[in-house]
Amino acid sequence: MIGTIIGAIVVGAIIGALARLVMPGKQSIGVLMTVLLGVVGGLLGSWLTHQFGYANSNGGFEILPFVVGIVAAVVLIGIYVGVAGRSNRVHH
């Protein structure tokens, strides 16, 4: 159980970091939020690919859910930056 949680955090950190690398411009979010959005993106990627019938019949690393997770994390980070940026402008 704890290994699964640690694994999700590590993969989420990788997905979040890769998502931020492929996004244009600078995103002003912290490491913790990057990891959190990466974990959520990874879970969404796994869920979406499963919903469309993806099965890793050959075993090994599941690249399609990983790539879809990065795309989902890019969208989530974009939404977060947009919402956080808007709320910062209201207060200043």
PDB file of N, CA and C in Angstrom:
ATOM      1  N   MET A   1       0.827  -1.200   0.000  1.00  0.00           N
ATOM      2  CA  MET A   1       0.000   0.000   0.000  1.00  0.00           C
ATOM      3  C   MET A   1       0.867   1.259   0.000  1.00  0.00           C
ATOM      4  N   ILE A   2       1.824   1.330   0.911  1.00  0.00           N
ATOM      5  CA  ILE A   2       2.684   2.522   0.990  1.00  0.00           C
ATOM      6  C   ILE A   2       3.564   2.628  -0.255  1.00  0.00           C
ATOM      7  N   GLY A   3       3.962   1.472  -0.795  1.00  0.00           N
ATOM      8  CA  GLY A   3       4.754   1.473  -2.020  1.00  0.00           C
ATOM      9  C   GLY A   3       3.980   2.026  -3.198  1.00  0.00           C
ATOM     10  N   THR A   4       2.681   1.726  -3.256  1.00  0.00           N
ATOM     11  CA  THR A   4       1.825   2.247  -4.318  1.00  0.00           C
ATOM     12  C   THR A   4       1.697   3.757  -4.210  1.00  0.00           C
ATOM     13  N   ILE A   5       1.542   4.261  -3.006  1.00  0.00           N
ATOM     14  CA  ILE A   5       1.421   5.703  -2.788  1.00  0.00           C
ATOM     15  C   ILE A   5       2.718   6.403  -3.163  1.00  0.00           C
ATOM     16  N   ILE A   6       3.837   5.862  -2.728  1.00  0.00           N
ATOM     17  CA  ILE A   6       5.138   6.455  -3.069  1.00  0.00           C
ATOM     18  C   ILE A   6       5.358   6.403  -4.573  1.00  0.00           C
ATOM     19  N   GLY A   7       4.988   5.295  -5.191  1.00  0.00           N
ATOM     20  CA  GLY A   7       5.110   5.170  -6.644  1.00  0.00           C
ATOM     21  C   GLY A   7       4.274   6.207  -7.374  1.00  0.00           C
ATOM     22  N   ALA A   8       3.040   6.435  -6.897  1.00  0.00           N
ATOM     23  CA  ALA A   8       2.159   7.430  -7.514  1.00  0.00           C
ATOM     24  C   ALA A   8       2.754   8.831  -7.375  1.00  0.00           C
ATOM     25  N   ILE A   9       3.365   9.116  -6.240  1.00  0.00           N
ATOM     26  CA  ILE A   9       3.978  10.428  -6.022  1.00  0.00           C
ATOM     27  C   ILE A   9       5.178  10.615  -6.939  1.00  0.00           C
ATOM     28  N   VAL A  10       6.014   9.591  -7.066  1.00  0.00           N
ATOM     29  CA  VAL A  10       7.204   9.683  -7.920  1.00  0.00           C
ATOM     30  C   VAL A  10       6.797   9.844  -9.385  1.00  0.00           C
ATOM     31  N   VAL A  11       5.860   9.007  -9.840  1.00  0.00           N
ATOM     32  CA  VAL A  11       5.404   9.107 -11.233  1.00  0.00           C
ATOM     33  C   VAL A  11       4.698  10.440 -11.446  1.00  0.00           C
ATOM     34  N   GLY A  12       3.918  10.888 -10.458  1.00  0.00           N
ATOM     35  CA  GLY A  12       3.251  12.187 -10.548  1.00  0.00           C
ATOM     36  C   GLY A  12       4.245  13.328 -10.662  1.00  0.00           C
ATOM     37  N   ALA A  13       5.346  13.242  -9.924  1.00  0.00           N
ATOM     38  CA  ALA A  13       6.384  14.273 -10.009  1.00  0.00           C
ATOM     39  C   ALA A  13       7.000  14.296 -11.407  1.00  0.00           C
ATOM     40  N   ILE A  14       7.236  13.124 -11.962  1.00  0.00           N
ATOM     41  CA  ILE A  14       7.804  13.036 -13.311  1.00  0.00           C
ATOM     42  C   ILE A  14       6.812  13.586 -14.334  1.00  0.00           C
ATOM     43  N   ILE A  15       5.552  13.176 -14.228  1.00  0.00           N
ATOM     44  CA  ILE A  15       4.525  13.653 -15.163  1.00  0.00           C
ATOM     45  C   ILE A  15       4.362  15.163 -15.036  1.00  0.00           C
ATOM     46  N   GLY A  16       4.300  15.671 -13.805  1.00  0.00           N
ATOM     47  CA  GLY A  16       4.158  17.116 -13.598  1.00  0.00           C
ATOM     48  C   GLY A  16       5.337  17.892 -14.161  1.00  0.00           C
ATOM     49  N   ALA A  17       6.542  17.385 -13.924  1.00  0.00           N
ATOM     50  CA  ALA A  17       7.743  18.065 -14.433  1.00  0.00           C
ATOM     51  C   ALA A  17       7.768  18.056 -15.959  1.00  0.00           C
ATOM     52  N   LEU A  18       7.437  16.921 -16.570  1.00  0.00           N
ATOM     53  CA  LEU A  18       7.406  16.845 -18.035  1.00  0.00           C
ATOM     54  C   LEU A  18       6.313  17.741 -18.609  1.00  0.00           C
ATOM     55  N   ALA A  19       5.184  17.804 -17.920  1.00  0.00           N
ATOM     56  CA  ALA A  19       4.095  18.677 -18.380  1.00  0.00           C
ATOM     57  C   ALA A  19       4.537  20.134 -18.371  1.00  0.00           C
ATOM     58  N   ARG A  20       5.230  20.540 -17.313  1.00  0.00           N
ATOM     59  CA  ARG A  20       5.706  21.925 -17.246  1.00  0.00           C
ATOM     60  C   ARG A  20       6.783  22.201 -18.289  1.00  0.00           C
ATOM     61  N   LEU A  21       7.584  21.196 -18.618  1.00  0.00           N
ATOM     62  CA  LEU A  21       8.615  21.371 -19.641  1.00  0.00           C
ATOM     63  C   LEU A  21       8.025  21.592 -21.027  1.00  0.00           C
ATOM     64  N   VAL A  22       6.932  20.898 -21.338  1.00  0.00           N
ATOM     65  CA  VAL A  22       6.350  21.032 -22.670  1.00  0.00           C
ATOM     66  C   VAL A  22       5.420  22.236 -22.784  1.00  0.00           C
ATOM     67  N   MET A  23       5.039  22.820 -21.653  1.00  0.00           N
ATOM     68  CA  MET A  23       4.170  24.002 -21.693  1.00  0.00           C
ATOM     69  C   MET A  23       4.977  25.237 -22.080  1.00  0.00           C
ATOM     70  N   PRO A  24       4.398  26.070 -22.947  1.00  0.00           N
ATOM     71  CA  PRO A  24       5.107  27.306 -23.290  1.00  0.00           C
ATOM     72  C   PRO A  24       5.018  28.315 -22.147  1.00  0.00           C
ATOM     73  N   GLY A  25       6.024  29.159 -22.050  1.00  0.00           N
ATOM     74  CA  GLY A  25       6.016  30.209 -21.028  1.00  0.00           C
ATOM     75  C   GLY A  25       6.420  29.705 -19.661  1.00  0.00           C
ATOM     76  N   LYS A  26       6.347  30.598 -18.704  1.00  0.00           N
ATOM     77  CA  LYS A  26       6.741  30.278 -17.329  1.00  0.00           C
ATOM     78  C   LYS A  26       5.487  30.077 -16.492  1.00  0.00           C
ATOM     79  N   GLN A  27       5.454  28.990 -15.753  1.00  0.00           N
ATOM     80  CA  GLN A  27       4.352  28.734 -14.837  1.00  0.00           C
ATOM     81  C   GLN A  27       4.833  29.004 -13.421  1.00  0.00           C
ATOM     82  N   SER A  28       4.160  29.876 -12.742  1.00  0.00           N
ATOM     83  CA  SER A  28       4.594  30.221 -11.380  1.00  0.00           C
ATOM     84  C   SER A  28       3.825  29.375 -10.368  1.00  0.00           C
ATOM     85  N   ILE A  29       4.161  28.077 -10.323  1.00  0.00           N
ATOM     86  CA  ILE A  29       3.570  27.189  -9.328  1.00  0.00           C
ATOM     87  C   ILE A  29       4.690  26.439  -8.626  1.00  0.00           C
ATOM     88  N   GLY A  30       4.421  26.029  -7.420  1.00  0.00           N
ATOM     89  CA  GLY A  30       5.429  25.352  -6.615  1.00  0.00           C
ATOM     90  C   GLY A  30       5.582  23.881  -6.956  1.00  0.00           C
ATOM     91  N   VAL A  31       6.579  23.285  -6.343  1.00  0.00           N
ATOM     92  CA  VAL A  31       6.883  21.869  -6.564  1.00  0.00           C
ATOM     93  C   VAL A  31       5.735  20.990  -6.079  1.00  0.00           C
ATOM     94  N   LEU A  32       5.189  21.297  -4.906  1.00  0.00           N
ATOM     95  CA  LEU A  32       4.109  20.483  -4.349  1.00  0.00           C
ATOM     96  C   LEU A  32       2.895  20.480  -5.285  1.00  0.00           C
ATOM     97  N   MET A  33       2.520  21.632  -5.819  1.00  0.00           N
ATOM     98  CA  MET A  33       1.383  21.705  -6.731  1.00  0.00           C
ATOM     99  C   MET A  33       1.706  20.999  -8.044  1.00  0.00           C
ATOM    100  N   THR A  34       2.950  21.084  -8.496  1.00  0.00           N
ATOM    101  CA  THR A  34       3.364  20.372  -9.711  1.00  0.00           C
ATOM    102  C   THR A  34       3.192  18.867  -9.520  1.00  0.00           C
ATOM    103  N   VAL A  35       3.639  18.351  -8.366  1.00  0.00           N
ATOM    104  CA  VAL A  35       3.522  16.922  -8.078  1.00  0.00           C
ATOM    105  C   VAL A  35       2.047  16.535  -7.972  1.00  0.00           C
ATOM    106  N   LEU A  36       1.269  17.340  -7.253  1.00  0.00           N
ATOM    107  CA  LEU A  36      -0.150  17.034  -7.066  1.00  0.00           C
ATOM    108  C   LEU A  36      -0.886  16.996  -8.406  1.00  0.00           C
ATOM    109  N   LEU A  37      -0.673  18.007  -9.238  1.00  0.00           N
ATOM    110  CA  LEU A  37      -1.329  18.028 -10.547  1.00  0.00           C
ATOM    111  C   LEU A  37      -0.791  16.920 -11.452  1.00  0.00           C
ATOM    112  N   GLY A  38       0.477  16.554 -11.282  1.00  0.00           N
ATOM    113  CA  GLY A  38       1.039  15.425 -12.028  1.00  0.00           C
ATOM    114  C   GLY A  38       0.405  14.104 -11.620  1.00  0.00           C
ATOM    115  N   VAL A  39       0.169  13.918 -10.318  1.00  0.00           N
ATOM    116  CA  VAL A  39      -0.495  12.694  -9.834  1.00  0.00           C
ATOM    117  C   VAL A  39      -1.917  12.631 -10.387  1.00  0.00           C
ATOM    118  N   VAL A  40      -2.641  13.739 -10.299  1.00  0.00           N
ATOM    119  CA  VAL A  40      -4.015  13.768 -10.818  1.00  0.00           C
ATOM    120  C   VAL A  40      -4.013  13.530 -12.332  1.00  0.00           C
ATOM    121  N   GLY A  41      -3.066  14.156 -13.033  1.00  0.00           N
ATOM    122  CA  GLY A  41      -2.951  13.932 -14.477  1.00  0.00           C
ATOM    123  C   GLY A  41      -2.654  12.473 -14.800  1.00  0.00           C
ATOM    124  N   GLY A  42      -1.781  11.864 -14.028  1.00  0.00           N
ATOM    125  CA  GLY A  42      -1.460  10.457 -14.236  1.00  0.00           C
ATOM    126  C   GLY A  42      -2.659   9.550 -14.000  1.00  0.00           C
ATOM    127  N   LEU A  43      -3.416   9.841 -12.940  1.00  0.00           N
ATOM    128  CA  LEU A  43      -4.623   9.058 -12.660  1.00  0.00           C
ATOM    129  C   LEU A  43      -5.651   9.241 -13.775  1.00  0.00           C
ATOM    130  N   LEU A  44      -5.807  10.477 -14.239  1.00  0.00           N
ATOM    131  CA  LEU A  44      -6.726  10.742 -15.350  1.00  0.00           C
ATOM    132  C   LEU A  44      -6.272  10.018 -16.619  1.00  0.00           C
ATOM    133  N   GLY A  45      -4.975  10.037 -16.873  1.00  0.00           N
ATOM    134  CA  GLY A  45      -4.444   9.343 -18.052  1.00  0.00           C
ATOM    135  C   GLY A  45      -4.714   7.855 -18.008  1.00  0.00           C
ATOM    136  N   SER A  46      -4.500   7.243 -16.856  1.00  0.00           N
ATOM    137  CA  SER A  46      -4.777   5.813 -16.707  1.00  0.00           C
ATOM    138  C   SER A  46      -6.264   5.523 -16.865  1.00  0.00           C
ATOM    139  N   TRP A  47      -7.088   6.346 -16.234  1.00  0.00           N
ATOM    140  CA  TRP A  47      -8.527   6.148 -16.298  1.00  0.00           C
ATOM    141  C   TRP A  47      -9.050   6.308 -17.722  1.00  0.00           C
ATOM    142  N   LEU A  48      -8.621   7.387 -18.392  1.00  0.00           N
ATOM    143  CA  LEU A  48      -9.096   7.643 -19.755  1.00  0.00           C
ATOM    144  C   LEU A  48      -8.693   6.532 -20.717  1.00  0.00           C
ATOM    145  N   THR A  49      -7.447   6.110 -20.653  1.00  0.00           N
ATOM    146  CA  THR A  49      -7.006   5.056 -21.576  1.00  0.00           C
ATOM    147  C   THR A  49      -7.743   3.753 -21.293  1.00  0.00           C
ATOM    148  N   HIS A  50      -8.020   3.476 -20.028  1.00  0.00           N
ATOM    149  CA  HIS A  50      -8.787   2.282 -19.676  1.00  0.00           C
ATOM    150  C   HIS A  50     -10.218   2.384 -20.225  1.00  0.00           C
ATOM    151  N   GLN A  51     -10.816   3.578 -20.145  1.00  0.00           N
ATOM    152  CA  GLN A  51     -12.177   3.780 -20.648  1.00  0.00           C
ATOM    153  C   GLN A  51     -12.259   3.554 -22.161  1.00  0.00           C
ATOM    154  N   PHE A  52     -11.189   3.832 -22.865  1.00  0.00           N
ATOM    155  CA  PHE A  52     -11.160   3.629 -24.312  1.00  0.00           C
ATOM    156  C   PHE A  52     -10.668   2.235 -24.696  1.00  0.00           C
ATOM    157  N   GLY A  53     -10.547   1.350 -23.712  1.00  0.00           N
ATOM    158  CA  GLY A  53     -10.242  -0.045 -23.981  1.00  0.00           C
ATOM    159  C   GLY A  53      -8.773  -0.390 -24.078  1.00  0.00           C
ATOM    160  N   TYR A  54      -7.880   0.517 -23.633  1.00  0.00           N
ATOM    161  CA  TYR A  54      -6.446   0.221 -23.699  1.00  0.00           C
ATOM    162  C   TYR A  54      -6.104  -0.905 -22.732  1.00  0.00           C
ATOM    163  N   ALA A  55      -5.367  -1.872 -23.215  1.00  0.00           N
ATOM    164  CA  ALA A  55      -4.863  -2.950 -22.373  1.00  0.00           C
ATOM    165  C   ALA A  55      -3.406  -3.178 -22.753  1.00  0.00           C
ATOM    166  N   ASN A  56      -2.551  -3.212 -21.771  1.00  0.00           N
ATOM    167  CA  ASN A  56      -1.126  -3.416 -22.012  1.00  0.00           C
ATOM    168  C   ASN A  56      -0.873  -4.916 -22.129  1.00  0.00           C
ATOM    169  N   SER A  57      -1.268  -5.485 -23.255  1.00  0.00           N
ATOM    170  CA  SER A  57      -1.209  -6.937 -23.424  1.00  0.00           C
ATOM    171  C   SER A  57       0.210  -7.482 -23.508  1.00  0.00           C
ATOM    172  N   ASN A  58       1.180  -6.652 -23.861  1.00  0.00           N
ATOM    173  CA  ASN A  58       2.565  -7.117 -23.970  1.00  0.00           C
ATOM    174  C   ASN A  58       3.332  -6.981 -22.667  1.00  0.00           C
ATOM    175  N   GLY A  59       2.718  -6.377 -21.656  1.00  0.00           N
ATOM    176  CA  GLY A  59       3.418  -6.163 -20.393  1.00  0.00           C
ATOM    177  C   GLY A  59       4.382  -4.992 -20.523  1.00  0.00           C
ATOM    178  N   GLY A  60       5.195  -4.794 -19.515  1.00  0.00           N
ATOM    179  CA  GLY A  60       6.169  -3.707 -19.551  1.00  0.00           C
ATOM    180  C   GLY A  60       5.563  -2.362 -19.211  1.00  0.00           C
ATOM    181  N   PHE A  61       6.268  -1.306 -19.575  1.00  0.00           N
ATOM    182  CA  PHE A  61       5.865   0.061 -19.260  1.00  0.00           C
ATOM    183  C   PHE A  61       4.678   0.481 -20.122  1.00  0.00           C
ATOM    184  N   GLU A  62       3.672   1.054 -19.492  1.00  0.00           N
ATOM    185  CA  GLU A  62       2.480   1.503 -20.212  1.00  0.00           C
ATOM    186  C   GLU A  62       2.690   2.935 -20.689  1.00  0.00           C
ATOM    187  N   ILE A  63       3.155   3.080 -21.908  1.00  0.00           N
ATOM    188  CA  ILE A  63       3.517   4.399 -22.430  1.00  0.00           C
ATOM    189  C   ILE A  63       2.289   5.250 -22.740  1.00  0.00           C
ATOM    190  N   LEU A  64       1.226   4.663 -23.273  1.00  0.00           N
ATOM    191  CA  LEU A  64       0.052   5.451 -23.650  1.00  0.00           C
ATOM    192  C   LEU A  64      -0.597   6.147 -22.441  1.00  0.00           C
ATOM    193  N   PRO A  65      -0.870   5.450 -21.332  1.00  0.00           N
ATOM    194  CA  PRO A  65      -1.420   6.161 -20.176  1.00  0.00           C
ATOM    195  C   PRO A  65      -0.469   7.238 -19.652  1.00  0.00           C
ATOM    196  N   PHE A  66       0.836   7.009 -19.754  1.00  0.00           N
ATOM    197  CA  PHE A  66       1.831   7.984 -19.307  1.00  0.00           C
ATOM    198  C   PHE A  66       1.752   9.256 -20.148  1.00  0.00           C
ATOM    199  N   VAL A  67       1.678   9.100 -21.471  1.00  0.00           N
ATOM    200  CA  VAL A  67       1.600  10.250 -22.375  1.00  0.00           C
ATOM    201  C   VAL A  67       0.279  10.989 -22.186  1.00  0.00           C
ATOM    202  N   VAL A  68      -0.822  10.248 -22.075  1.00  0.00           N
ATOM    203  CA  VAL A  68      -2.118  10.881 -21.836  1.00  0.00           C
ATOM    204  C   VAL A  68      -2.103  11.588 -20.475  1.00  0.00           C
ATOM    205  N   GLY A  69      -1.415  11.020 -19.502  1.00  0.00           N
ATOM    206  CA  GLY A  69      -1.272  11.660 -18.191  1.00  0.00           C
ATOM    207  C   GLY A  69      -0.529  12.989 -18.289  1.00  0.00           C
ATOM    208  N   ILE A  70       0.494  13.039 -19.122  1.00  0.00           N
ATOM    209  CA  ILE A  70       1.234  14.301 -19.322  1.00  0.00           C
ATOM    210  C   ILE A  70       0.319  15.339 -19.951  1.00  0.00           C
ATOM    211  N   VAL A  71      -0.446  14.936 -20.956  1.00  0.00           N
ATOM    212  CA  VAL A  71      -1.377  15.866 -21.605  1.00  0.00           C
ATOM    213  C   VAL A  71      -2.416  16.358 -20.598  1.00  0.00           C
ATOM    214  N   ALA A  72      -2.945  15.447 -19.785  1.00  0.00           N
ATOM    215  CA  ALA A  72      -3.927  15.836 -18.765  1.00  0.00           C
ATOM    216  C   ALA A  72      -3.301  16.799 -17.758  1.00  0.00           C
ATOM    217  N   ALA A  73      -2.053  16.545 -17.367  1.00  0.00           N
ATOM    218  CA  ALA A  73      -1.371  17.427 -16.420  1.00  0.00           C
ATOM    219  C   ALA A  73      -1.127  18.799 -17.036  1.00  0.00           C
ATOM    220  N   VAL A  74      -0.806  18.864 -18.332  1.00  0.00           N
ATOM    221  CA  VAL A  74      -0.633  20.156 -19.011  1.00  0.00           C
ATOM    222  C   VAL A  74      -1.931  20.955 -18.921  1.00  0.00           C
ATOM    223  N   VAL A  75      -3.048  20.287 -19.195  1.00  0.00           N
ATOM    224  CA  VAL A  75      -4.347  20.962 -19.120  1.00  0.00           C
ATOM    225  C   VAL A  75      -4.623  21.427 -17.693  1.00  0.00           C
ATOM    226  N   LEU A  76      -4.385  20.555 -16.720  1.00  0.00           N
ATOM    227  CA  LEU A  76      -4.627  20.914 -15.313  1.00  0.00           C
ATOM    228  C   LEU A  76      -3.742  22.068 -14.860  1.00  0.00           C
ATOM    229  N   ILE A  77      -2.480  22.050 -15.248  1.00  0.00           N
ATOM    230  CA  ILE A  77      -1.567  23.133 -14.876  1.00  0.00           C
ATOM    231  C   ILE A  77      -2.017  24.431 -15.537  1.00  0.00           C
ATOM    232  N   GLY A  78      -2.430  24.352 -16.799  1.00  0.00           N
ATOM    233  CA  GLY A  78      -2.930  25.532 -17.492  1.00  0.00           C
ATOM    234  C   GLY A  78      -4.145  26.124 -16.793  1.00  0.00           C
ATOM    235  N   ILE A  79      -5.065  25.265 -16.389  1.00  0.00           N
ATOM    236  CA  ILE A  79      -6.248  25.724 -15.655  1.00  0.00           C
ATOM    237  C   ILE A  79      -5.842  26.339 -14.329  1.00  0.00           C
ATOM    238  N   TYR A  80      -4.943  25.654 -13.609  1.00  0.00           N
ATOM    239  CA  TYR A  80      -4.503  26.157 -12.300  1.00  0.00           C
ATOM    240  C   TYR A  80      -3.826  27.524 -12.434  1.00  0.00           C
ATOM    241  N   VAL A  81      -2.922  27.655 -13.397  1.00  0.00           N
ATOM    242  CA  VAL A  81      -2.211  28.922 -13.586  1.00  0.00           C
ATOM    243  C   VAL A  81      -3.201  30.018 -13.974  1.00  0.00           C
ATOM    244  N   GLY A  82      -4.174  29.690 -14.820  1.00  0.00           N
ATOM    245  CA  GLY A  82      -5.179  30.669 -15.215  1.00  0.00           C
ATOM    246  C   GLY A  82      -6.026  31.130 -14.046  1.00  0.00           C
ATOM    247  N   VAL A  83      -6.464  30.187 -13.224  1.00  0.00           N
ATOM    248  CA  VAL A  83      -7.300  30.529 -12.069  1.00  0.00           C
ATOM    249  C   VAL A  83      -6.472  31.250 -11.010  1.00  0.00           C
ATOM    250  N   ALA A  84      -5.282  30.759 -10.730  1.00  0.00           N
ATOM    251  CA  ALA A  84      -4.430  31.394  -9.713  1.00  0.00           C
ATOM    252  C   ALA A  84      -4.000  32.781 -10.157  1.00  0.00           C
ATOM    253  N   GLY A  85      -3.707  32.949 -11.439  1.00  0.00           N
ATOM    254  CA  GLY A  85      -3.309  34.251 -11.964  1.00  0.00           C
ATOM    255  C   GLY A  85      -4.436  35.254 -11.872  1.00  0.00           C
ATOM    256  N   ARG A  86      -5.643  34.797 -12.148  1.00  0.00           N
ATOM    257  CA  ARG A  86      -6.809  35.672 -12.076  1.00  0.00           C
ATOM    258  C   ARG A  86      -7.080  36.090 -10.637  1.00  0.00           C
ATOM    259  N   SER A  87      -6.961  35.153  -9.691  1.00  0.00           N
ATOM    260  CA  SER A  87      -7.231  35.498  -8.292  1.00  0.00           C
ATOM    261  C   SER A  87      -6.147  36.414  -7.728  1.00  0.00           C
ATOM    262  N   ASN A  88      -4.911  36.302  -8.222  1.00  0.00           N
ATOM    263  CA  ASN A  88      -3.842  37.209  -7.776  1.00  0.00           C
ATOM    264  C   ASN A  88      -4.075  38.621  -8.284  1.00  0.00           C
ATOM    265  N   ARG A  89      -4.596  38.773  -9.493  1.00  0.00           N
ATOM    266  CA  ARG A  89      -4.861  40.097 -10.041  1.00  0.00           C
ATOM    267  C   ARG A  89      -5.994  40.795  -9.309  1.00  0.00           C
ATOM    268  N   VAL A  90      -6.940  40.028  -8.791  1.00  0.00           N
ATOM    269  CA  VAL A  90      -8.059  40.616  -8.059  1.00  0.00           C
ATOM    270  C   VAL A  90      -7.584  41.244  -6.761  1.00  0.00           C
ATOM    271  N   HIS A  91      -6.618  40.624  -6.107  1.00  0.00           N
ATOM    272  CA  HIS A  91      -6.141  41.101  -4.808  1.00  0.00           C
ATOM    273  C   HIS A  91      -5.154  42.241  -4.906  1.00  0.00           C
ATOM    274  N   HIS A  92      -4.581  42.478  -6.073  1.00  0.00           N
ATOM    275  CA  HIS A  92      -3.563  43.531  -6.178  1.00  0.00           C
ATOM    276  C   HIS A  92      -4.081  44.726  -6.847  1.00  0.00           C
TER     277      HIS A  92
END
